[in-house]
Protein backbone atom coordinates (compact mmCIF):
# COMPACT_ATOMS: atom_id res chain seq x y z
CA MET A 1 0.02 -0.12 -0.09
CA SER A 2 1.19 3.41 -0.94
CA PHE A 3 1.85 6.17 1.21
CA ALA A 4 -0.92 8.50 -0.68
CA GLN A 5 -3.10 5.54 0.05
CA GLN A 6 -2.52 5.72 3.65
CA VAL A 7 -3.12 8.97 4.10
CA MET A 8 -6.06 9.96 1.67
CA PRO A 9 -9.29 9.34 3.78
CA LYS A 10 -11.75 6.73 1.63
CA PHE A 11 -14.46 8.97 0.96
CA ALA A 12 -17.15 8.55 -2.13
CA PRO A 13 -14.50 8.47 -4.65
CA GLN A 14 -14.18 11.30 -7.10
CA PRO A 15 -11.87 12.41 -10.13
CA GLU A 16 -10.22 14.94 -8.42
CA ASP A 17 -9.41 12.79 -5.46
CA ASP A 18 -7.80 10.21 -7.98
CA GLU A 19 -5.94 13.53 -8.83
CA LYS A 20 -4.88 14.46 -5.56
CA SER A 21 -3.72 10.88 -4.34
CA ALA A 22 -1.54 10.18 -7.75
CA LEU A 23 0.04 13.98 -7.47
CA LEU A 24 0.51 13.14 -3.83
CA ALA A 25 2.29 9.53 -4.67
CA THR A 26 4.72 11.65 -6.47
CA ILE A 27 5.68 13.91 -4.27
CA VAL A 28 6.15 11.24 -1.79
CA GLU A 29 8.20 9.14 -4.28
CA CYS A 30 10.18 11.74 -5.43
CA SER A 31 10.85 13.23 -2.07
CA ASP A 32 14.73 13.31 -0.72
CA ASP A 33 13.88 12.63 2.34
CA ALA A 34 12.92 9.07 4.09
CA ILE A 35 9.41 9.18 3.96
CA ILE A 36 7.41 5.90 6.02
CA SER A 37 3.84 5.04 7.31
CA LYS A 38 3.33 2.56 9.64
CA SER A 39 0.37 0.86 12.00
CA LEU A 40 0.13 1.75 15.35
CA ASP A 41 2.00 -1.52 16.23
CA GLY A 42 5.16 -0.51 14.45
CA THR A 43 4.89 -2.63 11.74
CA ILE A 44 5.75 -0.70 8.04
CA LEU A 45 3.38 -0.17 5.34
CA SER A 46 4.92 1.98 2.61
CA TRP A 47 8.60 2.80 1.89
CA ASN A 48 9.31 5.53 -0.51
CA ALA A 49 12.57 5.89 -2.55
CA GLY A 50 14.08 8.38 -0.14
CA ALA A 51 13.95 6.01 2.44
CA GLU A 52 15.73 2.80 0.43
CA ARG A 53 18.34 5.49 -0.52
CA LEU A 54 18.60 6.74 3.53
CA PHE A 55 18.70 3.26 5.13
CA GLY A 56 19.62 0.55 2.24
CA TYR A 57 16.28 -1.73 2.19
CA SER A 58 14.15 -2.04 -0.54
CA PRO A 59 10.48 -1.52 0.03
CA ALA A 60 10.07 -5.81 -0.26
CA GLU A 61 12.25 -6.18 2.45
CA VAL A 62 10.87 -3.96 5.09
CA ILE A 63 7.24 -3.67 4.29
CA HIS A 64 5.03 -5.87 6.88
CA ARG A 65 8.31 -5.65 9.15
CA PRO A 66 8.43 -4.26 12.23
CA ILE A 67 10.06 -0.44 12.26
CA SER A 68 12.28 -1.51 14.97
CA LEU A 69 14.90 -3.00 12.45
CA LEU A 70 15.97 0.47 11.69
CA ILE A 71 16.62 1.42 15.40
CA PRO A 72 19.78 0.59 17.47
CA GLU A 73 19.47 -1.93 20.73
CA ASN A 74 20.22 0.57 23.08
CA LEU A 75 17.59 3.02 21.55
CA GLN A 76 14.52 0.63 21.14
CA LYS A 77 12.53 2.16 24.02
CA GLU A 78 12.38 5.40 22.04
CA GLU A 79 9.60 3.48 19.49
CA GLU A 80 7.64 2.99 22.84
CA TYR A 81 7.82 6.61 23.74
CA ILE A 82 7.03 7.58 20.07
CA LEU A 83 4.03 5.34 19.89
CA SER A 84 2.91 6.41 23.64
CA GLN A 85 2.56 10.24 21.45
CA LEU A 86 1.40 9.35 18.11
CA GLN A 87 -1.48 7.28 20.57
CA GLN A 88 -2.57 10.35 21.94
CA GLY A 89 -2.74 12.14 18.74
CA LYS A 90 0.68 13.99 19.39
CA SER A 91 3.22 14.55 16.85
CA LEU A 92 7.15 14.87 17.02
CA ASP A 93 8.76 17.57 15.14
CA HIS A 94 12.64 17.36 14.09
CA TYR A 95 13.30 14.90 16.91
CA GLU A 96 16.83 14.23 16.11
CA THR A 97 18.15 10.62 17.05
CA VAL A 98 20.24 7.68 15.52
CA ARG A 99 18.74 5.16 13.16
CA LEU A 100 20.20 1.96 11.72
CA HIS A 101 21.35 1.28 8.06
CA LYS A 102 21.06 -2.04 6.27
CA ASN A 103 24.92 -2.64 6.56
CA GLY A 104 24.95 -1.86 10.04
CA GLN A 105 26.26 1.53 10.35
CA LEU A 106 25.01 4.27 12.52
CA ILE A 107 23.05 7.52 10.40
CA ASP A 108 22.14 10.76 12.37
CA ILE A 109 18.86 11.99 11.51
CA SER A 110 16.33 14.53 12.19
CA LEU A 111 12.47 12.75 12.51
CA THR A 112 9.23 14.08 12.27
CA VAL A 113 6.16 12.06 13.23
CA SER A 114 2.50 12.43 12.83
CA PRO A 115 -0.23 10.48 13.23
CA ILE A 116 -2.51 9.43 10.56
CA ARG A 117 -6.06 9.34 10.97
CA ASN A 118 -8.77 7.56 9.11
CA ARG A 119 -12.13 9.23 8.29
CA TRP A 120 -13.67 8.80 11.57
CA GLY A 121 -10.80 10.61 12.91
CA ASN A 122 -9.41 7.90 14.56
CA ILE A 123 -5.58 7.13 14.42
CA THR A 124 -4.19 4.07 12.73
CA GLY A 125 -1.10 4.84 12.16
CA ALA A 126 1.51 7.13 11.57
CA SER A 127 3.74 8.98 8.77
CA LYS A 128 7.69 9.29 9.34
CA VAL A 129 9.78 11.90 7.62
CA ALA A 130 13.52 10.84 8.30
CA ARG A 131 16.13 13.61 7.05
CA ASP A 132 20.05 12.43 6.99
CA ILE A 133 21.67 14.84 9.20
CA THR A 134 25.32 12.63 9.36
CA GLN A 135 26.55 15.93 7.80
CA ARG A 136 25.47 18.56 10.03
CA LYS A 137 25.98 16.40 12.73
CA GLN A 138 29.93 16.14 11.40
CA ALA A 139 30.43 19.80 10.78
CA GLU A 140 29.26 20.93 14.15
CA LYS A 141 31.61 18.49 15.89
CA GLU A 142 34.43 19.56 13.48
CA LEU A 143 33.21 23.48 14.59
CA GLU A 144 33.34 22.45 17.84
CA ASN A 145 36.87 21.04 18.35
CA PHE A 146 38.13 23.87 15.93
CA ALA A 147 36.87 26.32 18.64
CA TYR A 148 38.66 24.74 21.21
CA LEU A 149 41.97 24.39 19.39
CA LEU A 150 41.66 28.17 18.01
CA VAL A 151 41.36 29.51 21.04
CA HIS A 152 44.17 27.82 22.66
CA ASP A 153 46.30 28.81 19.89
CA LEU A 154 45.02 32.50 20.08
CA LYS A 155 45.49 32.57 24.25
CA ALA A 156 49.04 31.16 24.16
CA PRO A 157 50.21 34.15 22.02
CA LEU A 158 48.27 36.58 24.14
CA ARG A 159 49.27 35.15 27.37
CA THR A 160 53.39 35.56 26.08
CA ILE A 161 52.42 39.28 24.66
CA GLN A 162 51.03 40.03 27.84
CA GLY A 163 54.46 39.03 29.92
CA PHE A 164 56.54 40.81 27.75
CA VAL A 165 54.63 44.10 27.91
CA GLY A 166 54.60 43.90 31.50
CA ILE A 167 58.43 43.36 31.62
CA ILE A 168 58.92 46.36 29.29
CA GLU A 169 56.86 48.40 31.33
CA LYS A 170 59.06 47.58 34.50
CA ALA A 171 62.08 48.11 32.29
CA LEU A 172 61.04 51.76 31.33
CA GLN A 173 60.18 52.37 35.11
CA SER A 174 63.42 51.61 36.14
CA ASP A 175 66.42 54.46 36.86
CA ASP A 176 68.53 51.76 34.65
CA ILE A 177 67.10 51.33 31.34
CA ASN A 178 68.87 48.64 29.44
CA ILE A 179 67.64 49.44 26.21
CA HIS A 180 69.37 46.72 24.53
CA ALA A 181 66.67 44.47 26.51
CA VAL A 182 63.39 46.33 26.00
CA THR A 183 64.55 45.73 22.19
CA GLY A 184 64.46 42.60 22.59
CA HIS A 185 61.23 42.01 24.33
CA CYS A 186 59.73 44.52 21.62
CA ARG A 187 60.60 42.56 18.59
CA ARG A 188 59.81 39.17 20.36
CA VAL A 189 56.42 40.79 21.11
CA ALA A 190 56.33 41.96 17.15
CA ASN A 191 57.31 38.31 15.94
CA ILE A 192 54.35 36.86 17.92
CA ALA A 193 51.83 39.61 16.89
CA LYS A 194 53.05 38.81 13.09
CA ARG A 195 52.46 35.08 14.04
CA MET A 196 49.07 35.80 14.82
CA ASP A 197 48.19 38.15 12.00
CA LEU A 198 49.82 35.05 9.88
CA LEU A 199 47.25 32.53 11.91
CA ILE A 200 44.15 35.13 11.56
CA ASP A 201 45.08 35.28 7.34
CA THR A 202 44.99 31.65 7.47
CA LEU A 203 42.02 30.92 9.42
CA HIS A 204 40.15 33.34 7.19
CA LEU A 205 41.50 31.22 4.15
CA TYR A 206 40.24 28.25 5.87
CA THR A 207 36.87 29.19 6.72
CA LYS A 208 36.65 29.98 2.85
CA MET A 209 36.84 26.75 1.76
CA ASN A 210 33.37 26.18 2.92
CA GLU A 211 31.66 28.93 0.50
CA LYS A 212 30.24 27.31 -2.36
CA VAL A 213 32.33 27.46 -5.85
CA ALA A 214 32.05 26.68 -9.34
CA PHE A 215 33.63 23.69 -10.46
CA GLU A 216 34.45 22.89 -13.91
CA PRO A 217 37.28 21.88 -16.10
CA VAL A 218 40.89 23.01 -14.82
CA GLU A 219 43.95 22.28 -16.51
CA MET A 220 46.36 21.43 -13.41
CA ARG A 221 49.53 22.20 -15.77
CA GLN A 222 47.81 25.59 -15.58
CA VAL A 223 47.55 25.54 -12.03
CA MET A 224 50.98 24.51 -11.41
CA ASP A 225 51.91 27.58 -13.45
CA ASP A 226 50.25 29.81 -11.37
CA THR A 227 51.34 28.61 -8.56
CA LEU A 228 54.60 28.96 -9.24
CA SER A 229 54.22 32.36 -10.11
CA ASN A 230 52.57 32.90 -6.85
CA LEU A 231 55.45 31.37 -4.92
CA ALA A 232 58.35 32.91 -7.14
CA SER A 233 60.17 35.01 -3.97
CA LEU A 234 59.80 32.17 -1.85
CA ILE A 235 61.38 29.38 -4.65
CA GLN A 236 64.14 32.00 -5.12
CA GLU A 237 64.89 32.84 -1.65
CA TYR A 238 65.41 29.36 -0.67
CA ARG A 239 66.48 27.97 -4.34
CA VAL A 240 63.55 25.17 -4.20
CA CYS A 241 63.39 23.04 -7.01
CA VAL A 242 60.42 21.89 -8.33
CA THR A 243 59.70 19.74 -10.91
CA HIS A 244 56.56 17.96 -12.46
CA ASP A 245 55.44 15.05 -15.37
CA ALA A 246 52.81 15.76 -17.79
CA LEU A 247 49.51 17.21 -15.75
CA PRO A 248 46.06 16.31 -16.31
CA ALA A 249 42.66 18.03 -16.70
CA VAL A 250 40.61 17.87 -13.45
CA ILE A 251 37.08 18.85 -12.09
CA GLY A 252 37.71 21.76 -9.40
CA ASN A 253 37.75 25.27 -8.72
CA ALA A 254 41.03 26.75 -10.11
CA PRO A 255 41.68 29.12 -7.29
CA GLN A 256 41.10 26.53 -4.56
CA LEU A 257 43.67 23.98 -5.98
CA ILE A 258 45.90 26.09 -6.39
CA GLN A 259 46.23 27.21 -2.95
CA LEU A 260 46.52 23.63 -2.17
CA LEU A 261 49.48 23.15 -4.48
CA GLN A 262 51.11 26.35 -2.79
CA ASN A 263 50.63 24.77 0.61
CA LEU A 264 51.70 21.63 -0.02
CA ILE A 265 55.31 23.46 -1.62
CA GLY A 266 55.22 25.30 1.01
CA ASN A 267 55.04 23.05 3.57
CA SER A 268 57.81 21.02 2.20
CA VAL A 269 60.34 23.65 1.57
CA LYS A 270 59.37 25.04 5.64
CA TYR A 271 60.56 21.38 6.64
CA CYS A 272 63.29 20.76 4.51
CA LYS A 273 66.96 21.37 5.92
CA GLU A 274 68.48 21.35 2.62
CA ILE A 275 68.31 22.35 -0.47
CA PRO A 276 64.11 21.91 -0.91
CA ALA A 277 63.30 19.59 -4.09
CA ILE A 278 59.59 18.57 -4.68
CA HIS A 279 58.19 16.72 -7.66
CA ILE A 280 54.74 16.24 -8.40
CA SER A 281 53.26 14.00 -10.52
CA ALA A 282 49.55 12.31 -11.96
CA LYS A 283 48.14 8.72 -12.93
CA ARG A 284 45.39 7.74 -13.79
CA GLN A 285 43.73 5.53 -11.10
CA ASP A 286 40.14 3.93 -11.26
CA LYS A 287 37.61 5.15 -14.41
CA ASN A 288 38.21 8.36 -14.35
CA ILE A 289 40.17 9.24 -10.96
CA TRP A 290 43.51 11.00 -11.14
CA LEU A 291 45.86 10.22 -8.44
CA PHE A 292 48.61 13.26 -7.53
CA THR A 293 51.44 12.89 -5.50
CA ALA A 294 54.15 15.51 -4.07
CA GLN A 295 57.42 13.73 -3.07
CA ASP A 296 59.75 15.84 -1.36
CA ASN A 297 62.85 16.07 0.34
CA GLY A 298 62.14 17.21 3.78
CA ILE A 299 62.63 15.42 7.57
CA GLY A 300 60.13 13.15 7.19
CA ILE A 301 56.96 12.17 9.42
CA PRO A 302 56.66 9.75 11.42
CA LYS A 303 54.29 7.10 11.00
CA GLU A 304 52.24 7.87 13.73
CA TYR A 305 51.66 11.18 13.48
CA TYR A 306 50.01 10.71 9.41
CA GLN A 307 46.56 11.55 10.30
CA GLN A 308 47.42 14.17 12.92
CA VAL A 309 49.14 16.54 9.97
CA PHE A 310 46.06 16.99 8.41
CA GLU A 311 43.78 17.95 11.60
CA PRO A 312 43.68 21.93 12.01
CA PHE A 313 46.30 23.24 14.74
CA ARG A 314 47.71 19.71 14.97
CA ARG A 315 51.53 20.56 15.06
CA LEU A 316 54.55 18.10 15.25
CA HIS A 317 57.09 21.03 16.18
CA ALA A 318 57.08 23.60 18.24
CA ALA A 319 55.85 27.27 16.26
CA GLU A 320 59.27 28.86 17.56
CA LYS A 321 61.20 26.00 15.31
CA TYR A 322 59.13 25.88 12.53
CA GLU A 323 56.87 29.04 12.03
CA GLY A 324 53.56 28.50 10.84
CA SER A 325 49.79 28.90 11.46
CA GLY A 326 48.69 24.72 11.97
CA LEU A 327 45.88 25.21 9.09
CA GLY A 328 48.43 24.36 6.16
CA LEU A 329 47.62 20.66 5.75
CA ALA A 330 43.98 20.98 7.07
CA THR A 331 43.63 23.62 4.65
CA CYS A 332 44.63 20.87 2.04
CA LYS A 333 42.37 18.46 3.34
CA LYS A 334 39.69 20.37 3.00
CA ILE A 335 40.11 21.32 -0.37
CA VAL A 336 40.54 17.91 -1.72
CA GLU A 337 37.45 16.90 0.13
CA ARG A 338 35.24 19.97 -1.38
CA HIS A 339 36.55 18.05 -4.63
CA GLY A 340 35.02 14.54 -3.73
CA GLY A 341 38.32 13.39 -3.53
CA SER A 342 41.07 12.09 -0.46
CA ILE A 343 44.43 13.17 0.50
CA TRP A 344 47.22 11.35 2.65
CA CYS A 345 50.58 11.01 3.22
CA GLU A 346 53.17 8.59 3.21
CA SER A 347 56.79 9.46 4.67
CA ALA A 348 60.30 7.79 6.90
CA LYS A 349 62.01 10.00 9.29
CA GLY A 350 64.87 12.01 7.47
CA GLN A 351 63.58 10.90 3.89
CA GLY A 352 61.05 12.83 2.76
CA THR A 353 57.34 12.53 2.58
CA VAL A 354 54.57 11.54 -0.10
CA PHE A 355 51.59 13.46 -0.09
CA SER A 356 49.11 11.48 -2.08
CA PHE A 357 45.66 13.23 -3.04
CA THR A 358 42.75 12.36 -5.65
CA LEU A 359 40.66 14.06 -8.02
CA GLN A 360 38.25 13.57 -10.57
CA GLY A 361 39.43 13.74 -13.99
CA ALA A 362 37.79 16.44 -16.87
CA ARG A 363 37.51 13.65 -19.65
CA GLY A 364 36.76 10.38 -19.19
CA PRO A 365 39.29 7.07 -19.86
CA ALA A 366 41.51 7.26 -23.38
């Protein structure tokens, strides 16, 4: 039985009733949300395409089965509460909970449940609308962690500045002023302020990665040229050797891809004790996916930190030893994931690092 048949009252059939029922059925079936109807004992009666996409079951697999198959073991009592609310004629709006996919994966959902009444006004079942909020929950968690780390990274230099300002103030009140010492303290304050300014600029860039941008065919060869042009002064100062193979066209946003390469090259230069050398290559992976690698001759990354280096503000070294915002590789990760790809690294301490990432090709396989 379709959802429309469940909710449409059965009065004397009229042509307009059939049209309304057909329209409602089409709307339900085309909805991105999971729309389900069930009886008051929790038996599933209808199941739209959105429900199949969200939970992984086909209608034949779930209709006439208990709704509890979607509910994790520790949340089974929720259904008792929902049914008790329905029997009282009450609805639940945007109730956030967790449900089970067919493969056992947990899904964060927002649930709206409303009673279904027959022609006499009696409650005979319920309609459920479930919306996947997994990405929103992940974003909220990421924001919470990001805010915590940001506060820490901003407070530490501020406390240092306050300390030096106090020292300078006392020195200036002394009859025997050590100008050399005061100048040194002022220089330290200026350097810390410079690092904070860099952090704020990089933070602004990092948050901009969430903005919607146009994706189109982009020649990575041109992206590489633009990247090297932007880094010309850095390359000249550190005598950086950047080489690359033939690079393909991909689907993406050129400014973000330029930022991606800039950050990878800049990171390699920063963590190199000799003349920096970076080689960028690309090879076709599965179907129309390209695998890019950026290999350097830097100090390397211990295996236990492969994941940590891509987290915001996660530094492996003190900021005084290697300057930076702690957001460079985190920005790379955000850019690549916005493009539907993945990024990771492989390394050995003292033997350089290979950063790998995937992007969708602009053309089909040859």
